[in-house]
Amino acid sequence: MKQKNTHRCRYLRENQTDAEKRLWLALRDRQIAGAKFRRQFPINGYILDFYCPEYQLGIEADGGGHYEDKGKKRDRLRTGELSKLGIEIIRFSDSEILKEIKEVCEVIYNTIMSKRG
């Protein structure tokens, strides 16, 4: 991992949004389907909010900037590039995470279970 990414990942872990904090409380310690997630994980020049290497599953908590044209375009490109590596990305809005955490966790759980086969 490049030094630049190391510092950026550390900064992002130390300065999580409220939605990221809430989701991390649900993901940490293998609470969903026994899957281990990592926070602010670098892959191919991108930093995923949460990543489960075992199932090649990335979880993104999207704030307001992701819903503008520029943000949508950047997210599509990023998701496409990560898909080429076999990584599936699930996106949730910050609002979904903060207001519907149980449903968010259910989607993550179901995705993991479908990957187990």
Protein backbone atom coordinates (compact mmCIF):
# COMPACT_ATOMS: atom_id res chain seq x y z
CA MET A 1 0.00 0.00 0.00
CA LYS A 2 1.32 3.39 -0.90
CA GLN A 3 2.26 5.73 1.95
CA LYS A 4 -0.29 8.27 0.70
CA ASN A 5 -3.10 5.74 1.06
CA THR A 6 -1.92 4.70 4.52
CA HIS A 7 -2.27 8.24 5.82
CA ARG A 8 -5.59 8.78 4.01
CA CYS A 9 -7.03 5.51 5.36
CA ARG A 10 -5.98 6.39 8.88
CA TYR A 11 -7.48 9.87 8.54
CA LEU A 12 -10.79 8.43 7.28
CA ARG A 13 -10.94 5.90 10.13
CA GLU A 14 -10.37 8.65 12.67
CA ASN A 15 -12.95 10.96 11.07
CA GLN A 16 -15.89 8.70 10.31
CA THR A 17 -19.31 10.10 9.53
CA ASP A 18 -22.18 9.27 11.88
CA ALA A 19 -23.50 6.77 9.33
CA GLU A 20 -20.09 5.07 9.05
CA LYS A 21 -19.84 4.85 12.85
CA ARG A 22 -23.30 3.31 13.06
CA LEU A 23 -22.62 0.78 10.33
CA TRP A 24 -19.22 -0.13 11.81
CA LEU A 25 -20.89 -0.96 15.13
CA ALA A 26 -23.05 -3.47 13.23
CA LEU A 27 -20.23 -4.92 11.07
CA ARG A 28 -17.38 -5.20 13.56
CA ASP A 29 -16.51 -8.36 15.46
CA ARG A 30 -18.06 -10.64 12.82
CA GLN A 31 -21.61 -9.74 13.89
CA ILE A 32 -23.16 -10.27 10.46
CA ALA A 33 -22.98 -13.89 9.25
CA GLY A 34 -19.58 -14.28 10.91
CA ALA A 35 -17.94 -12.17 8.17
CA LYS A 36 -14.88 -10.09 9.00
CA PHE A 37 -14.99 -6.53 7.70
CA ARG A 38 -12.22 -3.94 7.57
CA ARG A 39 -12.72 -0.17 7.65
CA GLN A 40 -11.37 2.24 5.05
CA PHE A 41 -9.63 -0.50 3.11
CA PRO A 42 -7.46 0.43 0.07
CA ILE A 43 -7.82 -1.54 -3.17
CA ASN A 44 -6.37 -0.53 -6.53
CA GLY A 45 -6.19 3.17 -5.71
CA TYR A 46 -9.68 3.25 -4.17
CA ILE A 47 -10.56 3.28 -0.49
CA LEU A 48 -13.65 1.26 0.41
CA ASP A 49 -15.62 2.33 3.48
CA PHE A 50 -15.93 -1.33 4.54
CA TYR A 51 -14.53 -4.46 2.93
CA CYS A 52 -14.88 -8.18 3.57
CA PRO A 53 -11.98 -9.95 1.80
CA GLU A 54 -13.44 -13.44 2.31
CA TYR A 55 -16.51 -12.61 0.20
CA GLN A 56 -14.99 -9.81 -1.87
CA LEU A 57 -17.76 -7.52 -0.67
CA GLY A 58 -17.46 -3.77 -0.32
CA ILE A 59 -19.99 -1.65 1.55
CA GLU A 60 -20.24 2.07 0.84
CA ALA A 61 -21.98 4.67 2.99
CA ASP A 62 -22.96 7.43 0.58
CA GLY A 63 -23.42 11.00 1.71
CA GLY A 64 -24.87 13.89 -0.29
CA GLY A 65 -22.04 14.28 -2.80
CA HIS A 66 -22.70 10.81 -4.19
CA TYR A 67 -26.09 11.89 -5.51
CA GLU A 68 -24.89 14.73 -7.71
CA ASP A 69 -24.08 14.00 -11.37
CA LYS A 70 -20.32 14.13 -10.82
CA GLY A 71 -20.54 11.83 -7.79
CA LYS A 72 -22.80 9.34 -9.59
CA LYS A 73 -20.42 9.18 -12.54
CA ARG A 74 -17.40 8.66 -10.27
CA ASP A 75 -19.23 5.94 -8.33
CA ARG A 76 -20.22 4.09 -11.53
CA LEU A 77 -16.62 4.14 -12.75
CA ARG A 78 -15.31 2.99 -9.38
CA THR A 79 -17.88 0.19 -9.07
CA GLY A 80 -17.05 -0.97 -12.60
CA GLU A 81 -13.32 -1.06 -11.90
CA LEU A 82 -13.80 -2.97 -8.66
CA SER A 83 -16.21 -5.36 -10.36
CA LYS A 84 -13.42 -6.29 -12.79
CA LEU A 85 -11.49 -7.47 -9.73
CA GLY A 86 -14.45 -9.61 -8.63
CA ILE A 87 -15.51 -7.20 -5.87
CA GLU A 88 -19.22 -6.58 -5.37
CA ILE A 89 -20.19 -3.18 -4.01
CA ILE A 90 -23.34 -2.49 -2.01
CA ARG A 91 -24.27 1.16 -1.51
CA PHE A 92 -26.47 2.61 1.19
CA SER A 93 -27.34 6.24 1.75
CA ASP A 94 -26.34 7.75 5.06
CA SER A 95 -30.05 8.22 5.74
CA GLU A 96 -30.78 4.51 5.23
CA ILE A 97 -27.98 3.57 7.60
CA LEU A 98 -29.07 6.00 10.29
CA LYS A 99 -32.81 5.32 10.04
CA GLU A 100 -33.03 1.69 8.88
CA ILE A 101 -29.92 -0.06 10.21
CA LYS A 102 -31.78 -3.36 10.74
CA GLU A 103 -32.83 -3.48 7.07
CA VAL A 104 -29.32 -2.49 5.94
CA CYS A 105 -27.84 -5.35 7.98
CA GLU A 106 -30.39 -7.74 6.50
CA VAL A 107 -29.32 -6.81 2.95
CA ILE A 108 -25.66 -7.36 3.89
CA TYR A 109 -26.49 -10.68 5.57
CA ASN A 110 -28.47 -11.91 2.55
CA THR A 111 -25.66 -10.90 0.18
CA ILE A 112 -23.09 -12.81 2.23
CA MET A 113 -25.33 -15.86 2.43
CA SER A 114 -25.86 -15.85 -1.35
CA LYS A 115 -22.09 -15.78 -1.84
CA ARG A 116 -21.67 -18.81 0.39
CA GLY A 117 -23.84 -20.79 -2.01
